[in-house]
Amino acid sequence: MTPEIRLPASADANAYVEGYLADDETVAGARGRADDLGCVPVSAATGAALSFLTATLRARAVVEIGTGVGVSGLYLLRGMVPDGVLTSIDIEPEYHRAARQTFAQTGIPSGRARLIMGRALDVLPRLTSGNYDLVFIDAAHVEYPHYYEHGVQLLRPGGVIVFHNVLAGGRVGDPARRDPETLALREVTRAVRDDERLAPALLPVGSGLLVAACSGDATA
């Protein structure tokens, strides 16, 4: 008889989940660059979830809002098909330089990582609607409601939109918190939940992932 596996309780459970799939040397090196620049990357569990999603979708075209130093991009690319292309947007030049270094050291061909420097709300309208398998958003929280509508428009039927850090350390669930970032996060979680085009789920992975699959043509 197989012995019962007892998972850790309370706060220990999160540590268990985060340690389930450890970083390899490439990701660890990228995290070092993130520390140097004061850029907070996705956690290991969040990265694993991103790879899982792109692998499940057999994603060929992905948009990322918030490149950082390329940690989340590595995870996204690992699950994508071999000729898939990641389009990643960030406004910080130093992040772009660090991300290019991350991808180059990993041996990712330059054609697979299309890095665009600029304000995402200016770039997104120029991308082709209904053309992307997944949109990952990890940027300024106050702009999440704006990214939501642009992001959904970019999805093909069956595509997935993902918002990072939506729980914000528990602030979203605290009705006393009324700061602009928390209000924006509450707004986007409600909007995604109530959007009839989407099938959403709020996952307690890392700092919180809001995911939603597009059940039809979001561009209609």
C-alpha atoms as a PDB file:
ATOM      1  CA  MET A   1       0.000   0.000   0.000  1.00  0.00           C
ATOM      2  CA  THR A   2       1.384   3.399  -0.992  1.00  0.00           C
ATOM      3  CA  PRO A   3       2.033   5.548   2.091  1.00  0.00           C
ATOM      4  CA  GLU A   4       0.001   8.728   2.374  1.00  0.00           C
ATOM      5  CA  ILE A   5       1.824  11.897   1.376  1.00  0.00           C
ATOM      6  CA  ARG A   6       1.140  14.653   3.882  1.00  0.00           C
ATOM      7  CA  LEU A   7       1.623  18.166   2.546  1.00  0.00           C
ATOM      8  CA  PRO A   8       2.938  20.933   4.806  1.00  0.00           C
ATOM      9  CA  ALA A   9       0.344  23.150   6.452  1.00  0.00           C
ATOM     10  CA  SER A  10      -0.340  26.897   6.190  1.00  0.00           C
ATOM     11  CA  ALA A  11       2.680  29.015   5.210  1.00  0.00           C
ATOM     12  CA  ASP A  12       4.846  25.932   4.754  1.00  0.00           C
ATOM     13  CA  ALA A  13       2.641  24.805   1.877  1.00  0.00           C
ATOM     14  CA  ASN A  14       3.677  27.802  -0.219  1.00  0.00           C
ATOM     15  CA  ALA A  15       7.353  27.040   0.388  1.00  0.00           C
ATOM     16  CA  TYR A  16       6.738  23.435  -0.649  1.00  0.00           C
ATOM     17  CA  VAL A  17       5.058  24.561  -3.887  1.00  0.00           C
ATOM     18  CA  GLU A  18       7.829  27.053  -4.652  1.00  0.00           C
ATOM     19  CA  GLY A  19      10.507  24.426  -4.083  1.00  0.00           C
ATOM     20  CA  TYR A  20       8.793  21.726  -6.124  1.00  0.00           C
ATOM     21  CA  LEU A  21      10.608  22.725  -9.335  1.00  0.00           C
ATOM     22  CA  ALA A  22      13.891  24.428  -8.514  1.00  0.00           C
ATOM     23  CA  ASP A  23      15.553  27.008 -10.753  1.00  0.00           C
ATOM     24  CA  ASP A  24      18.271  25.780 -13.082  1.00  0.00           C
ATOM     25  CA  GLU A  25      21.550  27.673 -13.543  1.00  0.00           C
ATOM     26  CA  THR A  26      20.201  29.796 -16.389  1.00  0.00           C
ATOM     27  CA  VAL A  27      17.243  31.084 -14.415  1.00  0.00           C
ATOM     28  CA  ALA A  28      19.393  31.527 -11.303  1.00  0.00           C
ATOM     29  CA  GLY A  29      21.800  33.680 -13.309  1.00  0.00           C
ATOM     30  CA  ALA A  30      18.941  35.798 -14.626  1.00  0.00           C
ATOM     31  CA  ARG A  31      17.638  36.236 -11.094  1.00  0.00           C
ATOM     32  CA  GLY A  32      21.063  37.579 -10.133  1.00  0.00           C
ATOM     33  CA  ARG A  33      20.764  40.246 -12.838  1.00  0.00           C
ATOM     34  CA  ALA A  34      17.275  41.067 -11.561  1.00  0.00           C
ATOM     35  CA  ASP A  35      18.648  41.613  -8.061  1.00  0.00           C
ATOM     36  CA  ASP A  36      21.340  43.918  -9.415  1.00  0.00           C
ATOM     37  CA  LEU A  37      18.718  46.062 -11.176  1.00  0.00           C
ATOM     38  CA  GLY A  38      16.107  45.964  -8.422  1.00  0.00           C
ATOM     39  CA  CYS A  39      13.683  44.115 -10.685  1.00  0.00           C
ATOM     40  CA  VAL A  40      11.455  41.535  -8.987  1.00  0.00           C
ATOM     41  CA  PRO A  41      11.058  38.450 -11.251  1.00  0.00           C
ATOM     42  CA  VAL A  42       8.321  35.818 -11.151  1.00  0.00           C
ATOM     43  CA  SER A  43       8.730  33.041  -8.594  1.00  0.00           C
ATOM     44  CA  ALA A  44       9.721  29.503  -9.537  1.00  0.00           C
ATOM     45  CA  ALA A  45       6.164  28.230  -9.108  1.00  0.00           C
ATOM     46  CA  THR A  46       4.777  31.063 -11.215  1.00  0.00           C
ATOM     47  CA  GLY A  47       7.355  30.357 -13.901  1.00  0.00           C
ATOM     48  CA  ALA A  48       6.415  26.682 -13.906  1.00  0.00           C
ATOM     49  CA  ALA A  49       2.769  27.657 -14.346  1.00  0.00           C
ATOM     50  CA  LEU A  50       3.683  29.840 -17.328  1.00  0.00           C
ATOM     51  CA  SER A  51       5.617  27.005 -18.972  1.00  0.00           C
ATOM     52  CA  PHE A  52       2.688  24.682 -18.308  1.00  0.00           C
ATOM     53  CA  LEU A  53       0.249  27.075 -19.970  1.00  0.00           C
ATOM     54  CA  THR A  54       2.334  27.669 -23.092  1.00  0.00           C
ATOM     55  CA  ALA A  55       3.031  23.940 -23.417  1.00  0.00           C
ATOM     56  CA  THR A  56      -0.651  23.061 -23.013  1.00  0.00           C
ATOM     57  CA  LEU A  57      -1.630  25.645 -25.622  1.00  0.00           C
ATOM     58  CA  ARG A  58       1.238  24.621 -27.910  1.00  0.00           C
ATOM     59  CA  ALA A  59       1.720  28.358 -28.052  1.00  0.00           C
ATOM     60  CA  ARG A  60       3.271  29.802 -31.179  1.00  0.00           C
ATOM     61  CA  ALA A  61       2.708  33.513 -30.507  1.00  0.00           C
ATOM     62  CA  VAL A  62       2.857  35.080 -27.029  1.00  0.00           C
ATOM     63  CA  VAL A  63       2.775  38.685 -25.826  1.00  0.00           C
ATOM     64  CA  GLU A  64       4.432  39.671 -22.561  1.00  0.00           C
ATOM     65  CA  ILE A  65       3.862  43.061 -20.933  1.00  0.00           C
ATOM     66  CA  GLY A  66       6.793  43.664 -18.602  1.00  0.00           C
ATOM     67  CA  THR A  67       9.991  42.042 -19.870  1.00  0.00           C
ATOM     68  CA  GLY A  68      12.085  42.610 -16.774  1.00  0.00           C
ATOM     69  CA  VAL A  69      15.428  40.818 -17.208  1.00  0.00           C
ATOM     70  CA  GLY A  70      13.846  37.912 -19.070  1.00  0.00           C
ATOM     71  CA  VAL A  71      13.068  35.427 -16.272  1.00  0.00           C
ATOM     72  CA  SER A  72       9.389  35.084 -17.157  1.00  0.00           C
ATOM     73  CA  GLY A  73      10.324  35.109 -20.843  1.00  0.00           C
ATOM     74  CA  LEU A  74      12.529  32.058 -20.317  1.00  0.00           C
ATOM     75  CA  TYR A  75       9.658  30.182 -18.732  1.00  0.00           C
ATOM     76  CA  LEU A  76       7.217  31.202 -21.467  1.00  0.00           C
ATOM     77  CA  LEU A  77       9.614  30.179 -24.247  1.00  0.00           C
ATOM     78  CA  ARG A  78      10.329  26.805 -22.661  1.00  0.00           C
ATOM     79  CA  GLY A  79       6.733  25.739 -23.113  1.00  0.00           C
ATOM     80  CA  MET A  80       6.237  27.229 -26.586  1.00  0.00           C
ATOM     81  CA  VAL A  81       6.658  25.293 -29.827  1.00  0.00           C
ATOM     82  CA  PRO A  82      10.238  25.353 -31.203  1.00  0.00           C
ATOM     83  CA  ASP A  83       9.522  28.088 -33.735  1.00  0.00           C
ATOM     84  CA  GLY A  84       7.256  30.121 -31.451  1.00  0.00           C
ATOM     85  CA  VAL A  85       7.888  33.848 -31.041  1.00  0.00           C
ATOM     86  CA  LEU A  86       7.671  35.821 -27.799  1.00  0.00           C
ATOM     87  CA  THR A  87       6.858  39.518 -28.192  1.00  0.00           C
ATOM     88  CA  SER A  88       7.894  41.254 -24.971  1.00  0.00           C
ATOM     89  CA  ILE A  89       7.316  44.918 -24.137  1.00  0.00           C
ATOM     90  CA  ASP A  90       9.060  47.045 -21.527  1.00  0.00           C
ATOM     91  CA  ILE A  91       9.716  50.745 -21.129  1.00  0.00           C
ATOM     92  CA  GLU A  92      13.050  50.390 -19.283  1.00  0.00           C
ATOM     93  CA  PRO A  93      16.163  50.304 -21.543  1.00  0.00           C
ATOM     94  CA  GLU A  94      18.315  48.635 -18.877  1.00  0.00           C
ATOM     95  CA  TYR A  95      15.817  45.803 -18.575  1.00  0.00           C
ATOM     96  CA  HIS A  96      15.949  45.271 -22.323  1.00  0.00           C
ATOM     97  CA  ARG A  97      19.722  45.022 -22.260  1.00  0.00           C
ATOM     98  CA  ALA A  98      19.616  42.530 -19.402  1.00  0.00           C
ATOM     99  CA  ALA A  99      16.888  40.461 -21.101  1.00  0.00           C
ATOM    100  CA  ARG A 100      18.863  40.278 -24.331  1.00  0.00           C
ATOM    101  CA  GLN A 101      21.834  39.022 -22.318  1.00  0.00           C
ATOM    102  CA  THR A 102      19.625  36.430 -20.616  1.00  0.00           C
ATOM    103  CA  PHE A 103      18.252  35.098 -23.900  1.00  0.00           C
ATOM    104  CA  ALA A 104      21.646  35.143 -25.637  1.00  0.00           C
ATOM    105  CA  GLN A 105      23.305  33.179 -22.836  1.00  0.00           C
ATOM    106  CA  THR A 106      20.514  30.614 -23.016  1.00  0.00           C
ATOM    107  CA  GLY A 107      21.056  30.138 -26.740  1.00  0.00           C
ATOM    108  CA  ILE A 108      17.619  31.430 -27.718  1.00  0.00           C
ATOM    109  CA  PRO A 109      17.769  32.704 -31.338  1.00  0.00           C
ATOM    110  CA  SER A 110      17.142  36.433 -31.601  1.00  0.00           C
ATOM    111  CA  GLY A 111      14.185  35.800 -33.903  1.00  0.00           C
ATOM    112  CA  ARG A 112      12.307  33.976 -31.150  1.00  0.00           C
ATOM    113  CA  ALA A 113      12.404  36.879 -28.679  1.00  0.00           C
ATOM    114  CA  ARG A 114      11.041  40.087 -30.166  1.00  0.00           C
ATOM    115  CA  LEU A 115      11.803  42.783 -27.599  1.00  0.00           C
ATOM    116  CA  ILE A 116       9.999  46.100 -27.979  1.00  0.00           C
ATOM    117  CA  MET A 117      10.956  49.122 -25.914  1.00  0.00           C
ATOM    118  CA  GLY A 118       8.074  51.461 -25.264  1.00  0.00           C
ATOM    119  CA  ARG A 119       4.900  52.076 -23.318  1.00  0.00           C
ATOM    120  CA  ALA A 120       2.709  48.984 -23.594  1.00  0.00           C
ATOM    121  CA  LEU A 121      -0.504  50.970 -24.050  1.00  0.00           C
ATOM    122  CA  ASP A 122       1.075  52.555 -27.145  1.00  0.00           C
ATOM    123  CA  VAL A 123       2.431  49.259 -28.520  1.00  0.00           C
ATOM    124  CA  LEU A 124      -0.535  46.917 -27.962  1.00  0.00           C
ATOM    125  CA  PRO A 125      -2.905  48.622 -30.463  1.00  0.00           C
ATOM    126  CA  ARG A 126      -0.290  48.037 -33.184  1.00  0.00           C
ATOM    127  CA  LEU A 127      -0.280  44.251 -32.666  1.00  0.00           C
ATOM    128  CA  THR A 128      -2.578  42.016 -34.716  1.00  0.00           C
ATOM    129  CA  SER A 129      -5.924  41.305 -33.048  1.00  0.00           C
ATOM    130  CA  GLY A 130      -6.919  37.659 -32.596  1.00  0.00           C
ATOM    131  CA  ASN A 131      -3.404  36.451 -33.373  1.00  0.00           C
ATOM    132  CA  TYR A 132      -1.939  35.369 -30.029  1.00  0.00           C
ATOM    133  CA  ASP A 133      -2.142  32.212 -27.944  1.00  0.00           C
ATOM    134  CA  LEU A 134      -1.285  33.816 -24.620  1.00  0.00           C
ATOM    135  CA  VAL A 135      -0.884  37.309 -23.162  1.00  0.00           C
ATOM    136  CA  PHE A 136       1.084  37.614 -19.905  1.00  0.00           C
ATOM    137  CA  ILE A 137       0.837  40.836 -17.919  1.00  0.00           C
ATOM    138  CA  ASP A 138       3.394  41.736 -15.253  1.00  0.00           C
ATOM    139  CA  ALA A 139       3.650  45.506 -15.182  1.00  0.00           C
ATOM    140  CA  ALA A 140       2.215  48.582 -13.433  1.00  0.00           C
ATOM    141  CA  HIS A 141      -0.844  47.484 -11.462  1.00  0.00           C
ATOM    142  CA  VAL A 142      -2.679  50.748 -11.995  1.00  0.00           C
ATOM    143  CA  GLU A 143      -2.722  50.012 -15.741  1.00  0.00           C
ATOM    144  CA  TYR A 144      -4.033  46.434 -15.448  1.00  0.00           C
ATOM    145  CA  PRO A 145      -7.636  47.406 -16.338  1.00  0.00           C
ATOM    146  CA  HIS A 146      -6.348  48.971 -19.578  1.00  0.00           C
ATOM    147  CA  TYR A 147      -4.170  45.967 -20.380  1.00  0.00           C
ATOM    148  CA  TYR A 148      -7.173  43.707 -19.839  1.00  0.00           C
ATOM    149  CA  GLU A 149      -9.225  44.977 -22.769  1.00  0.00           C
ATOM    150  CA  HIS A 150      -6.232  45.287 -25.106  1.00  0.00           C
ATOM    151  CA  GLY A 151      -5.000  41.836 -24.105  1.00  0.00           C
ATOM    152  CA  VAL A 152      -8.312  40.071 -24.665  1.00  0.00           C
ATOM    153  CA  GLN A 153      -8.561  41.605 -28.124  1.00  0.00           C
ATOM    154  CA  LEU A 154      -5.217  40.054 -29.034  1.00  0.00           C
ATOM    155  CA  LEU A 155      -6.287  36.494 -28.158  1.00  0.00           C
ATOM    156  CA  ARG A 156      -7.325  33.874 -30.645  1.00  0.00           C
ATOM    157  CA  PRO A 157     -10.298  31.670 -29.655  1.00  0.00           C
ATOM    158  CA  GLY A 158      -9.000  29.387 -26.917  1.00  0.00           C
ATOM    159  CA  GLY A 159      -6.170  31.768 -26.048  1.00  0.00           C
ATOM    160  CA  VAL A 160      -5.338  32.652 -22.445  1.00  0.00           C
ATOM    161  CA  ILE A 161      -4.705  35.950 -20.668  1.00  0.00           C
ATOM    162  CA  VAL A 162      -2.639  35.899 -17.447  1.00  0.00           C
ATOM    163  CA  PHE A 163      -2.253  38.666 -14.850  1.00  0.00           C
ATOM    164  CA  HIS A 164       0.620  38.391 -12.353  1.00  0.00           C
ATOM    165  CA  ASN A 165       0.643  39.494  -8.717  1.00  0.00           C
ATOM    166  CA  VAL A 166      -3.108  40.103  -8.488  1.00  0.00           C
ATOM    167  CA  LEU A 167      -3.306  39.192  -4.787  1.00  0.00           C
ATOM    168  CA  ALA A 168      -0.676  41.814  -3.932  1.00  0.00           C
ATOM    169  CA  GLY A 169       0.325  40.246  -0.647  1.00  0.00           C
ATOM    170  CA  GLY A 170      -3.292  40.010   0.509  1.00  0.00           C
ATOM    171  CA  ARG A 171      -4.115  43.675  -0.043  1.00  0.00           C
ATOM    172  CA  VAL A 172      -6.796  42.951  -2.639  1.00  0.00           C
ATOM    173  CA  GLY A 173      -8.860  41.031  -0.110  1.00  0.00           C
ATOM    174  CA  ASP A 174      -8.624  43.789   2.516  1.00  0.00           C
ATOM    175  CA  PRO A 175     -11.614  46.150   2.094  1.00  0.00           C
ATOM    176  CA  ALA A 176      -9.794  48.829   4.091  1.00  0.00           C
ATOM    177  CA  ARG A 177      -7.163  49.163   1.355  1.00  0.00           C
ATOM    178  CA  ARG A 178      -8.228  51.903  -1.084  1.00  0.00           C
ATOM    179  CA  ASP A 179      -4.922  52.893  -2.713  1.00  0.00           C
ATOM    180  CA  PRO A 180      -4.871  53.217  -6.535  1.00  0.00           C
ATOM    181  CA  GLU A 181      -2.965  49.955  -7.136  1.00  0.00           C
ATOM    182  CA  THR A 182      -5.309  47.876  -4.990  1.00  0.00           C
ATOM    183  CA  LEU A 183      -8.390  49.471  -6.557  1.00  0.00           C
ATOM    184  CA  ALA A 184      -7.045  48.738 -10.044  1.00  0.00           C
ATOM    185  CA  LEU A 185      -6.399  45.091  -9.139  1.00  0.00           C
ATOM    186  CA  ARG A 186      -9.920  44.723  -7.752  1.00  0.00           C
ATOM    187  CA  GLU A 187     -11.294  46.312 -10.910  1.00  0.00           C
ATOM    188  CA  VAL A 188      -9.494  43.918 -13.244  1.00  0.00           C
ATOM    189  CA  THR A 189     -10.405  40.827 -11.220  1.00  0.00           C
ATOM    190  CA  ARG A 190     -14.082  41.840 -11.352  1.00  0.00           C
ATOM    191  CA  ALA A 191     -13.925  42.678 -15.057  1.00  0.00           C
ATOM    192  CA  VAL A 192     -12.352  39.332 -15.979  1.00  0.00           C
ATOM    193  CA  ARG A 193     -14.803  37.447 -13.757  1.00  0.00           C
ATOM    194  CA  ASP A 194     -17.806  39.163 -15.357  1.00  0.00           C
ATOM    195  CA  ASP A 195     -16.621  39.012 -18.988  1.00  0.00           C
ATOM    196  CA  GLU A 196     -18.840  36.510 -20.807  1.00  0.00           C
ATOM    197  CA  ARG A 197     -16.084  35.893 -23.372  1.00  0.00           C
ATOM    198  CA  LEU A 198     -13.776  34.477 -20.707  1.00  0.00           C
ATOM    199  CA  ALA A 199     -13.525  31.403 -18.475  1.00  0.00           C
ATOM    200  CA  PRO A 200     -11.496  32.699 -15.486  1.00  0.00           C
ATOM    201  CA  ALA A 201      -9.722  31.248 -12.459  1.00  0.00           C
ATOM    202  CA  LEU A 202      -7.831  32.946  -9.639  1.00  0.00           C
ATOM    203  CA  LEU A 203      -4.836  30.815  -8.660  1.00  0.00           C
ATOM    204  CA  PRO A 204      -2.914  31.195  -5.364  1.00  0.00           C
ATOM    205  CA  VAL A 205       0.417  30.586  -7.101  1.00  0.00           C
ATOM    206  CA  GLY A 206       3.306  32.859  -6.211  1.00  0.00           C
ATOM    207  CA  SER A 207       1.810  36.298  -5.594  1.00  0.00           C
ATOM    208  CA  GLY A 208      -1.427  35.341  -7.328  1.00  0.00           C
ATOM    209  CA  LEU A 209      -2.232  34.532 -10.952  1.00  0.00           C
ATOM    210  CA  LEU A 210      -5.489  35.556 -12.580  1.00  0.00           C
ATOM    211  CA  VAL A 211      -5.934  33.384 -15.677  1.00  0.00           C
ATOM    212  CA  ALA A 212      -8.765  33.335 -18.198  1.00  0.00           C
ATOM    213  CA  ALA A 213      -9.352  31.405 -21.403  1.00  0.00           C
ATOM    214  CA  CYS A 214     -11.093  33.123 -24.306  1.00  0.00           C
ATOM    215  CA  SER A 215     -14.072  30.973 -25.231  1.00  0.00           C
ATOM    216  CA  GLY A 216     -14.847  32.716 -28.516  1.00  0.00           C
ATOM    217  CA  ASP A 217     -13.715  35.426 -30.910  1.00  0.00           C
ATOM    218  CA  ALA A 218     -12.800  38.327 -28.619  1.00  0.00           C
ATOM    219  CA  THR A 219     -12.389  40.661 -31.601  1.00  0.00           C
ATOM    220  CA  ALA A 220     -16.031  40.342 -32.641  1.00  0.00           C
END
